[in-house]
C-alpha atoms as a PDB file:
ATOM      1  CA  MET A   1      -3.108 -19.069  -5.851  1.00  0.00           C
ATOM      2  CA  ASN A   2      -1.374 -21.804  -3.857  1.00  0.00           C
ATOM      3  CA  ASP A   3      -3.529 -21.591  -0.754  1.00  0.00           C
ATOM      4  CA  LYS A   4      -7.059 -20.371  -0.438  1.00  0.00           C
ATOM      5  CA  ILE A   5      -7.498 -17.257   1.639  1.00  0.00           C
ATOM      6  CA  GLN A   6      -9.836 -18.102   4.462  1.00  0.00           C
ATOM      7  CA  ASP A   7     -12.304 -15.695   6.009  1.00  0.00           C
ATOM      8  CA  GLN A   8     -10.692 -14.574   9.246  1.00  0.00           C
ATOM      9  CA  SER A   9     -12.996 -11.608   9.875  1.00  0.00           C
ATOM     10  CA  LYS A  10     -13.425 -10.713  13.514  1.00  0.00           C
ATOM     11  CA  ASP A  11     -16.194  -9.107  15.484  1.00  0.00           C
ATOM     12  CA  ARG A  12     -15.668  -5.334  15.139  1.00  0.00           C
ATOM     13  CA  GLU A  13     -18.181  -4.710  17.894  1.00  0.00           C
ATOM     14  CA  GLY A  14     -20.387  -3.108  15.273  1.00  0.00           C
ATOM     15  CA  ASN A  15     -18.034  -0.176  14.896  1.00  0.00           C
ATOM     16  CA  PRO A  16     -15.205  -0.763  12.401  1.00  0.00           C
ATOM     17  CA  ASN A  17     -14.260   2.906  12.359  1.00  0.00           C
ATOM     18  CA  HIS A  18     -14.167   3.442  16.112  1.00  0.00           C
ATOM     19  CA  ALA A  19     -10.649   4.875  15.992  1.00  0.00           C
ATOM     20  CA  LYS A  20     -11.823   8.105  14.423  1.00  0.00           C
ATOM     21  CA  ARG A  21     -10.074  10.330  16.876  1.00  0.00           C
ATOM     22  CA  LEU A  22      -7.576  13.121  16.888  1.00  0.00           C
ATOM     23  CA  PHE A  23      -4.034  11.821  16.909  1.00  0.00           C
ATOM     24  CA  SER A  24      -1.428  13.769  18.795  1.00  0.00           C
ATOM     25  CA  GLY A  25       2.030  14.438  17.455  1.00  0.00           C
ATOM     26  CA  THR A  26       5.450  14.763  18.984  1.00  0.00           C
ATOM     27  CA  LYS A  27       7.480  17.929  18.845  1.00  0.00           C
ATOM     28  CA  THR A  28      10.967  17.578  17.493  1.00  0.00           C
ATOM     29  CA  PRO A  29      13.359  18.861  20.189  1.00  0.00           C
ATOM     30  CA  GLY A  30      14.659  22.319  19.443  1.00  0.00           C
ATOM     31  CA  LYS A  31      12.644  22.736  16.269  1.00  0.00           C
ATOM     32  CA  GLY A  32       9.059  23.036  17.425  1.00  0.00           C
ATOM     33  CA  LEU A  33       7.890  20.883  14.527  1.00  0.00           C
ATOM     34  CA  THR A  34       5.053  18.446  15.082  1.00  0.00           C
ATOM     35  CA  VAL A  35       5.763  14.999  13.694  1.00  0.00           C
ATOM     36  CA  SER A  36       2.917  12.530  14.053  1.00  0.00           C
ATOM     37  CA  LYS A  37       3.782   9.043  15.239  1.00  0.00           C
ATOM     38  CA  GLU A  38       0.214   7.924  14.698  1.00  0.00           C
ATOM     39  CA  PRO A  39      -1.571   6.728  11.554  1.00  0.00           C
ATOM     40  CA  ARG A  40      -3.621   9.422   9.868  1.00  0.00           C
ATOM     41  CA  GLN A  41      -6.978   9.012   8.218  1.00  0.00           C
ATOM     42  CA  VAL A  42      -6.654   9.198   4.437  1.00  0.00           C
ATOM     43  CA  LEU A  43     -10.248   8.223   3.669  1.00  0.00           C
ATOM     44  CA  GLU A  44     -13.017   7.175   6.042  1.00  0.00           C
ATOM     45  CA  SER A  45     -11.920   3.530   6.016  1.00  0.00           C
ATOM     46  CA  VAL A  46      -8.253   3.988   5.056  1.00  0.00           C
ATOM     47  CA  TYR A  47      -5.373   4.966   7.332  1.00  0.00           C
ATOM     48  CA  GLY A  48      -1.803   5.766   6.351  1.00  0.00           C
ATOM     49  CA  PHE A  49       1.155   5.107   8.654  1.00  0.00           C
ATOM     50  CA  PRO A  50       4.217   7.322   9.112  1.00  0.00           C
ATOM     51  CA  PRO A  51       7.182   6.515   6.827  1.00  0.00           C
ATOM     52  CA  ASN A  52       9.033   3.396   7.913  1.00  0.00           C
ATOM     53  CA  ARG A  53      12.828   3.543   8.088  1.00  0.00           C
ATOM     54  CA  GLU A  54      13.042  -0.236   7.796  1.00  0.00           C
ATOM     55  CA  THR A  55      11.427  -0.062   4.359  1.00  0.00           C
ATOM     56  CA  LEU A  56      13.468   2.932   3.151  1.00  0.00           C
ATOM     57  CA  GLY A  57      10.792   5.468   4.030  1.00  0.00           C
ATOM     58  CA  GLY A  58       7.903   3.423   2.708  1.00  0.00           C
ATOM     59  CA  THR A  59       4.291   4.174   3.636  1.00  0.00           C
ATOM     60  CA  ALA A  60       1.989   1.373   4.781  1.00  0.00           C
ATOM     61  CA  TYR A  61      -1.810   1.495   4.954  1.00  0.00           C
ATOM     62  CA  LEU A  62      -4.660  -0.137   6.835  1.00  0.00           C
ATOM     63  CA  ILE A  63      -8.025  -0.731   5.173  1.00  0.00           C
ATOM     64  CA  VAL A  64     -10.800  -1.198   7.737  1.00  0.00           C
ATOM     65  CA  GLU A  65     -13.902  -2.948   6.457  1.00  0.00           C
ATOM     66  CA  ASN A  66     -16.502  -5.443   7.628  1.00  0.00           C
ATOM     67  CA  ASP A  67     -15.053  -8.292   5.559  1.00  0.00           C
ATOM     68  CA  GLY A  68     -11.757  -8.007   7.423  1.00  0.00           C
ATOM     69  CA  ASN A  69      -8.918  -5.562   7.928  1.00  0.00           C
ATOM     70  CA  ILE A  70      -6.138  -5.401   5.349  1.00  0.00           C
ATOM     71  CA  LEU A  71      -2.634  -4.187   6.149  1.00  0.00           C
ATOM     72  CA  VAL A  72      -0.734  -3.054   3.055  1.00  0.00           C
ATOM     73  CA  ASP A  73       3.058  -3.294   3.492  1.00  0.00           C
ATOM     74  CA  CYS A  74       4.999  -2.981   6.745  1.00  0.00           C
ATOM     75  CA  PRO A  75       4.298  -0.042   9.065  1.00  0.00           C
ATOM     76  CA  PRO A  76       6.795   1.159  11.693  1.00  0.00           C
ATOM     77  CA  TRP A  77       6.487  -1.464  14.422  1.00  0.00           C
ATOM     78  CA  THR A  78       6.036   0.822  17.426  1.00  0.00           C
ATOM     79  CA  ASP A  79       3.789   0.854  20.469  1.00  0.00           C
ATOM     80  CA  HIS A  80       1.655   3.424  18.634  1.00  0.00           C
ATOM     81  CA  THR A  81       1.190   1.028  15.720  1.00  0.00           C
ATOM     82  CA  LYS A  82       0.402  -1.968  17.925  1.00  0.00           C
ATOM     83  CA  LEU A  83      -2.216  -0.064  19.905  1.00  0.00           C
ATOM     84  CA  PHE A  84      -3.796   1.405  16.804  1.00  0.00           C
ATOM     85  CA  LEU A  85      -4.092  -1.958  15.055  1.00  0.00           C
ATOM     86  CA  LYS A  86      -5.602  -3.542  18.153  1.00  0.00           C
ATOM     87  CA  GLU A  87      -8.126  -0.704  18.451  1.00  0.00           C
ATOM     88  CA  GLN A  88      -9.179  -1.298  14.841  1.00  0.00           C
ATOM     89  CA  GLY A  89      -9.851  -4.977  15.495  1.00  0.00           C
ATOM     90  CA  GLY A  90      -6.525  -6.393  14.358  1.00  0.00           C
ATOM     91  CA  VAL A  91      -5.307  -7.504  10.943  1.00  0.00           C
ATOM     92  CA  ASP A  92      -6.860 -10.260   8.825  1.00  0.00           C
ATOM     93  CA  TRP A  93      -4.756  -9.968   5.688  1.00  0.00           C
ATOM     94  CA  PHE A  94      -1.207  -8.639   5.445  1.00  0.00           C
ATOM     95  CA  ILE A  95      -0.358  -7.786   1.835  1.00  0.00           C
ATOM     96  CA  PHE A  96       3.003  -6.879   0.311  1.00  0.00           C
ATOM     97  CA  THR A  97       3.049  -4.739  -2.822  1.00  0.00           C
ATOM     98  CA  HIS A  98       6.780  -5.118  -3.494  1.00  0.00           C
ATOM     99  CA  ARG A  99       9.956  -6.471  -1.951  1.00  0.00           C
ATOM    100  CA  GLN A 100      10.927  -3.174  -0.302  1.00  0.00           C
ATOM    101  CA  GLY A 101       7.634  -3.206   1.582  1.00  0.00           C
ATOM    102  CA  ILE A 102       8.904  -6.099   3.711  1.00  0.00           C
ATOM    103  CA  SER A 103      10.576  -5.418   7.066  1.00  0.00           C
ATOM    104  CA  GLN A 104      12.078  -7.605   9.767  1.00  0.00           C
ATOM    105  CA  GLN A 105       8.833  -7.296  11.737  1.00  0.00           C
ATOM    106  CA  VAL A 106       6.642  -9.482   9.529  1.00  0.00           C
ATOM    107  CA  ARG A 107       6.844 -12.502  11.813  1.00  0.00           C
ATOM    108  CA  HIS A 108       5.951 -10.410  14.888  1.00  0.00           C
ATOM    109  CA  ILE A 109       2.927  -8.919  13.148  1.00  0.00           C
ATOM    110  CA  GLN A 110       1.718 -12.298  11.928  1.00  0.00           C
ATOM    111  CA  GLU A 111       2.133 -13.859  15.360  1.00  0.00           C
ATOM    112  CA  MET A 112       0.288 -11.026  17.096  1.00  0.00           C
ATOM    113  CA  PHE A 113      -2.747 -11.016  14.794  1.00  0.00           C
ATOM    114  CA  ALA A 114      -2.700 -14.509  13.208  1.00  0.00           C
ATOM    115  CA  CYS A 115      -3.104 -12.802   9.850  1.00  0.00           C
ATOM    116  CA  GLN A 116      -2.773 -14.274   6.374  1.00  0.00           C
ATOM    117  CA  LEU A 117       0.345 -13.118   4.476  1.00  0.00           C
ATOM    118  CA  VAL A 118      -0.283 -12.506   0.774  1.00  0.00           C
ATOM    119  CA  ILE A 119       2.456 -11.849  -1.786  1.00  0.00           C
ATOM    120  CA  GLN A 120       3.037 -12.307  -5.515  1.00  0.00           C
ATOM    121  CA  GLU A 121       4.601 -15.715  -6.108  1.00  0.00           C
ATOM    122  CA  GLN A 122       7.939 -14.411  -7.429  1.00  0.00           C
ATOM    123  CA  GLU A 123       8.755 -12.700  -4.141  1.00  0.00           C
ATOM    124  CA  ALA A 124       7.496 -15.317  -1.692  1.00  0.00           C
ATOM    125  CA  TYR A 125      11.093 -16.486  -1.164  1.00  0.00           C
ATOM    126  CA  LEU A 126      11.680 -13.264   0.772  1.00  0.00           C
ATOM    127  CA  LEU A 127       9.458 -14.625   3.559  1.00  0.00           C
ATOM    128  CA  PRO A 128      11.208 -17.892   4.451  1.00  0.00           C
ATOM    129  CA  ASP A 129       9.823 -20.114   7.199  1.00  0.00           C
ATOM    130  CA  LEU A 130       6.519 -18.228   7.178  1.00  0.00           C
ATOM    131  CA  LYS A 131       3.165 -19.497   5.978  1.00  0.00           C
ATOM    132  CA  VAL A 132       2.248 -17.354   2.992  1.00  0.00           C
ATOM    133  CA  THR A 133      -0.467 -17.261   0.363  1.00  0.00           C
ATOM    134  CA  THR A 134       0.813 -16.556  -3.140  1.00  0.00           C
ATOM    135  CA  PHE A 135      -0.901 -15.466  -6.322  1.00  0.00           C
ATOM    136  CA  ARG A 136       0.124 -15.183  -9.954  1.00  0.00           C
ATOM    137  CA  GLU A 137      -1.760 -12.435 -11.803  1.00  0.00           C
ATOM    138  CA  ARG A 138      -4.726 -11.385  -9.671  1.00  0.00           C
ATOM    139  CA  GLU A 139      -6.538 -12.440  -6.546  1.00  0.00           C
ATOM    140  CA  GLU A 140      -9.709 -11.276  -4.837  1.00  0.00           C
ATOM    141  CA  ILE A 141      -8.905 -10.653  -1.183  1.00  0.00           C
ATOM    142  CA  THR A 142     -12.414  -9.539  -0.224  1.00  0.00           C
ATOM    143  CA  PRO A 143     -15.449  -8.729  -2.395  1.00  0.00           C
ATOM    144  CA  HIS A 144     -14.154  -5.143  -2.473  1.00  0.00           C
ATOM    145  CA  CYS A 145     -10.389  -5.649  -2.779  1.00  0.00           C
ATOM    146  CA  LEU A 146      -8.521  -7.056  -5.780  1.00  0.00           C
ATOM    147  CA  LEU A 147      -4.771  -7.677  -5.861  1.00  0.00           C
ATOM    148  CA  LEU A 148      -3.098  -7.200  -9.270  1.00  0.00           C
ATOM    149  CA  TRP A 149       0.363  -8.201 -10.458  1.00  0.00           C
ATOM    150  CA  THR A 150       2.104  -5.125 -11.927  1.00  0.00           C
ATOM    151  CA  PRO A 151       5.734  -6.154 -12.522  1.00  0.00           C
ATOM    152  CA  GLY A 152       8.468  -3.692 -13.310  1.00  0.00           C
ATOM    153  CA  PHE A 153       9.680  -1.973 -10.172  1.00  0.00           C
ATOM    154  CA  SER A 154      10.360  -5.448  -8.826  1.00  0.00           C
ATOM    155  CA  PRO A 155       9.529  -8.907 -10.222  1.00  0.00           C
ATOM    156  CA  GLY A 156       6.534  -9.306  -7.920  1.00  0.00           C
ATOM    157  CA  SER A 157       5.381  -5.705  -7.720  1.00  0.00           C
ATOM    158  CA  SER A 158       1.612  -5.547  -7.169  1.00  0.00           C
ATOM    159  CA  CYS A 159      -1.199  -3.051  -6.695  1.00  0.00           C
ATOM    160  CA  LEU A 160      -4.301  -3.424  -4.551  1.00  0.00           C
ATOM    161  CA  HIS A 161      -7.574  -1.986  -5.852  1.00  0.00           C
ATOM    162  CA  TYR A 162     -10.194  -1.076  -3.249  1.00  0.00           C
ATOM    163  CA  GLN A 163     -13.648  -0.421  -4.704  1.00  0.00           C
ATOM    164  CA  ALA A 164     -14.816   2.053  -2.059  1.00  0.00           C
ATOM    165  CA  TRP A 165     -14.746   5.837  -2.542  1.00  0.00           C
ATOM    166  CA  GLY A 166     -14.842   5.574  -6.319  1.00  0.00           C
ATOM    167  CA  GLY A 167     -11.825   3.289  -6.438  1.00  0.00           C
ATOM    168  CA  VAL A 168      -8.581   3.495  -4.467  1.00  0.00           C
ATOM    169  CA  LEU A 169      -5.355   2.004  -5.833  1.00  0.00           C
ATOM    170  CA  PHE A 170      -2.549   1.157  -3.420  1.00  0.00           C
ATOM    171  CA  THR A 171       0.447   1.225  -5.732  1.00  0.00           C
ATOM    172  CA  GLY A 172       3.452   0.459  -3.538  1.00  0.00           C
ATOM    173  CA  ARG A 173       6.431   1.835  -5.477  1.00  0.00           C
ATOM    174  CA  HIS A 174       4.951   1.011  -8.873  1.00  0.00           C
ATOM    175  CA  ILE A 175       3.480   4.513  -9.191  1.00  0.00           C
ATOM    176  CA  LEU A 176       4.686   7.367  -6.983  1.00  0.00           C
ATOM    177  CA  PRO A 177       4.057  11.108  -6.727  1.00  0.00           C
ATOM    178  CA  ASN A 178       6.703  13.394  -8.185  1.00  0.00           C
ATOM    179  CA  GLN A 179       7.705  16.700  -6.602  1.00  0.00           C
ATOM    180  CA  HIS A 180       4.460  18.240  -7.851  1.00  0.00           C
ATOM    181  CA  GLY A 181       2.333  15.469  -6.377  1.00  0.00           C
ATOM    182  CA  GLN A 182       1.530  13.986  -9.786  1.00  0.00           C
ATOM    183  CA  PRO A 183       1.556  10.184 -10.181  1.00  0.00           C
ATOM    184  CA  LEU A 184       4.019   8.474 -12.477  1.00  0.00           C
ATOM    185  CA  PRO A 185       6.402   5.524 -12.563  1.00  0.00           C
ATOM    186  CA  LEU A 186       9.861   6.542 -11.382  1.00  0.00           C
ATOM    187  CA  ARG A 187      12.901   4.807 -12.829  1.00  0.00           C
ATOM    188  CA  THR A 188      15.771   4.287 -10.397  1.00  0.00           C
ATOM    189  CA  ALA A 189      18.997   2.317 -10.399  1.00  0.00           C
ATOM    190  CA  LYS A 190      17.109  -0.430  -8.525  1.00  0.00           C
ATOM    191  CA  THR A 191      14.259  -0.738 -11.024  1.00  0.00           C
ATOM    192  CA  PHE A 192      13.958  -4.377 -12.084  1.00  0.00           C
ATOM    193  CA  HIS A 193      12.531  -3.981 -15.608  1.00  0.00           C
ATOM    194  CA  TRP A 194      11.564  -0.517 -16.825  1.00  0.00           C
ATOM    195  CA  PRO A 195       9.716  -1.471 -20.057  1.00  0.00           C
ATOM    196  CA  ARG A 196       7.575  -3.944 -18.128  1.00  0.00           C
ATOM    197  CA  GLN A 197       6.798  -1.272 -15.550  1.00  0.00           C
ATOM    198  CA  ILE A 198       5.492   1.047 -18.265  1.00  0.00           C
ATOM    199  CA  THR A 199       3.432  -1.819 -19.684  1.00  0.00           C
ATOM    200  CA  SER A 200       2.001  -2.445 -16.214  1.00  0.00           C
ATOM    201  CA  VAL A 201       0.965   1.201 -15.904  1.00  0.00           C
ATOM    202  CA  GLN A 202      -0.820   0.969 -19.243  1.00  0.00           C
ATOM    203  CA  SER A 203      -2.559  -2.223 -18.112  1.00  0.00           C
ATOM    204  CA  LEU A 204      -4.027  -0.342 -15.153  1.00  0.00           C
ATOM    205  CA  LEU A 205      -5.382   2.321 -17.492  1.00  0.00           C
ATOM    206  CA  ASP A 206      -6.918  -0.429 -19.609  1.00  0.00           C
ATOM    207  CA  GLN A 207      -8.593  -2.081 -16.604  1.00  0.00           C
ATOM    208  CA  PHE A 208     -10.010   0.976 -14.878  1.00  0.00           C
ATOM    209  CA  THR A 209     -11.919   4.124 -15.748  1.00  0.00           C
ATOM    210  CA  GLN A 210     -12.490   7.543 -14.295  1.00  0.00           C
ATOM    211  CA  ASP A 211     -15.409   6.043 -12.369  1.00  0.00           C
ATOM    212  CA  THR A 212     -13.401   3.165 -10.866  1.00  0.00           C
ATOM    213  CA  LEU A 213     -10.087   4.875 -10.078  1.00  0.00           C
ATOM    214  CA  GLN A 214     -10.496   8.093  -8.122  1.00  0.00           C
ATOM    215  CA  PHE A 215      -7.532   7.895  -5.738  1.00  0.00           C
ATOM    216  CA  ILE A 216      -3.989   6.561  -5.515  1.00  0.00           C
ATOM    217  CA  CYS A 217      -2.349   5.795  -2.179  1.00  0.00           C
ATOM    218  CA  PRO A 218       1.369   5.502  -3.001  1.00  0.00           C
ATOM    219  CA  GLY A 219       3.853   3.426  -1.029  1.00  0.00           C
ATOM    220  CA  ALA A 220       6.483   6.179  -0.775  1.00  0.00           C
ATOM    221  CA  ASN A 221       7.140   9.871  -1.516  1.00  0.00           C
ATOM    222  CA  THR A 222       4.017  10.802   0.451  1.00  0.00           C
ATOM    223  CA  GLY A 223       5.701  14.004   1.620  1.00  0.00           C
ATOM    224  CA  PHE A 224       5.150  15.360  -1.890  1.00  0.00           C
ATOM    225  CA  LEU A 225       1.398  15.109  -1.293  1.00  0.00           C
ATOM    226  CA  ARG A 226       1.650  18.008   1.181  1.00  0.00           C
ATOM    227  CA  GLY A 227      -0.642  16.572   3.808  1.00  0.00           C
ATOM    228  CA  GLN A 228      -3.275  15.241   1.409  1.00  0.00           C
ATOM    229  CA  GLY A 229      -2.289  11.615   1.976  1.00  0.00           C
ATOM    230  CA  LYS A 230      -3.592  10.557  -1.439  1.00  0.00           C
ATOM    231  CA  ILE A 231      -3.570  11.511  -5.106  1.00  0.00           C
ATOM    232  CA  LYS A 232      -6.967  12.688  -6.317  1.00  0.00           C
ATOM    233  CA  GLU A 233      -8.414  12.311  -9.831  1.00  0.00           C
ATOM    234  CA  ALA A 234      -5.961   9.469 -10.260  1.00  0.00           C
ATOM    235  CA  TYR A 235      -7.222   8.007 -13.521  1.00  0.00           C
ATOM    236  CA  GLU A 236      -7.210  11.347 -15.303  1.00  0.00           C
ATOM    237  CA  ALA A 237      -3.687  12.049 -14.054  1.00  0.00           C
ATOM    238  CA  LEU A 238      -2.406   8.676 -15.300  1.00  0.00           C
ATOM    239  CA  LYS A 239      -4.153   9.138 -18.621  1.00  0.00           C
ATOM    240  CA  LYS A 240      -2.053  12.254 -19.256  1.00  0.00           C
ATOM    241  CA  LEU A 241       1.202  10.275 -19.105  1.00  0.00           C
ATOM    242  CA  ASP A 242       3.129   9.883 -22.359  1.00  0.00           C
ATOM    243  CA  MET A 243       4.097   6.206 -22.337  1.00  0.00           C
ATOM    244  CA  ASP A 244       6.487   6.535 -25.289  1.00  0.00           C
ATOM    245  CA  GLU A 245       8.303   9.383 -23.592  1.00  0.00           C
ATOM    246  CA  LEU A 246       8.490   7.453 -20.323  1.00  0.00           C
ATOM    247  CA  ARG A 247      10.111   4.474 -22.039  1.00  0.00           C
ATOM    248  CA  SER A 248      13.125   6.631 -22.898  1.00  0.00           C
ATOM    249  CA  VAL A 249      13.633   7.935 -19.350  1.00  0.00           C
ATOM    250  CA  GLU A 250      17.090   7.261 -17.920  1.00  0.00           C
ATOM    251  CA  PRO A 251      17.399   5.841 -14.390  1.00  0.00           C
ATOM    252  CA  GLY A 252      17.747   8.298 -11.525  1.00  0.00           C
ATOM    253  CA  LEU A 253      19.420   7.676  -8.196  1.00  0.00           C
END
C-alpha cells in the first residue's frame, strides 16, 4: 500500500445507526409505481443505494460502524444521498471495487467528507489529480473490513469482506446475481480477463467458509434479488458453481 490509511473516525454521537427510519418513495407519474430515491437497509449496519446511471446502473453501499463509515463505489449524487450520508456521520473511507464503480462525482464526495479514497493500484490512474491510497493484493481497512484484489472483470477488480453478520462480501461486478438471484461471474464483451476472473472466484472459496461468508452484496443486477438486497447463503451458492464449465462460457452482451 503506497500510503497508510489513517484513522479518520468521527464522533457518531453514540448512535451509528440513528438513520433507522422509514424511507419514502416517489411515485412514477402515470404508473403509480413507487421508486425509492433513498438508501435501503440491507443489514443492520449496511445500506444499499438506488442504481446509479453514471455507473451503468451500479449499486453502491454504505457500511456504518464505530471504526468509521465505508462507502463502497459511487452512489447517485443527489440531495437524498447527501443528507443520508451526513445523517450517518459522513464517510471515512471511499472504496472502489472496479473501474465502472467510479463516477464524475468522486471529487465532490471527497471534498464534502474529507474521506480517504482507496483503489487497487492498477486502476488508480482513473482518479487523476486526487489523493488516493492504493493497494496490491489485500488491505485491512478497519479491524472488520478487508479489501481483496480479485482481477478478471477489470484489471483492478476488488471485493470487500465485512466480518459482521457472518461475513458479507461486497463484490462489485466480480460476482453478480443471475435472473434467478444466484451468484456467479458473468462474462460480457467488456470483461478484461475471463480465466483470471474464474480463478479469482475460486480464490474466494479457498479463503472463506460457510461460517465466514453468509451474504453477498453485488454491485449491479440487484433487481434480480427481488427486494432482498443481498444474496443469502453465499458460500454454499458459490460452492455449487462448476468452474470448468464456467471457463468455457462465451461472452454475452
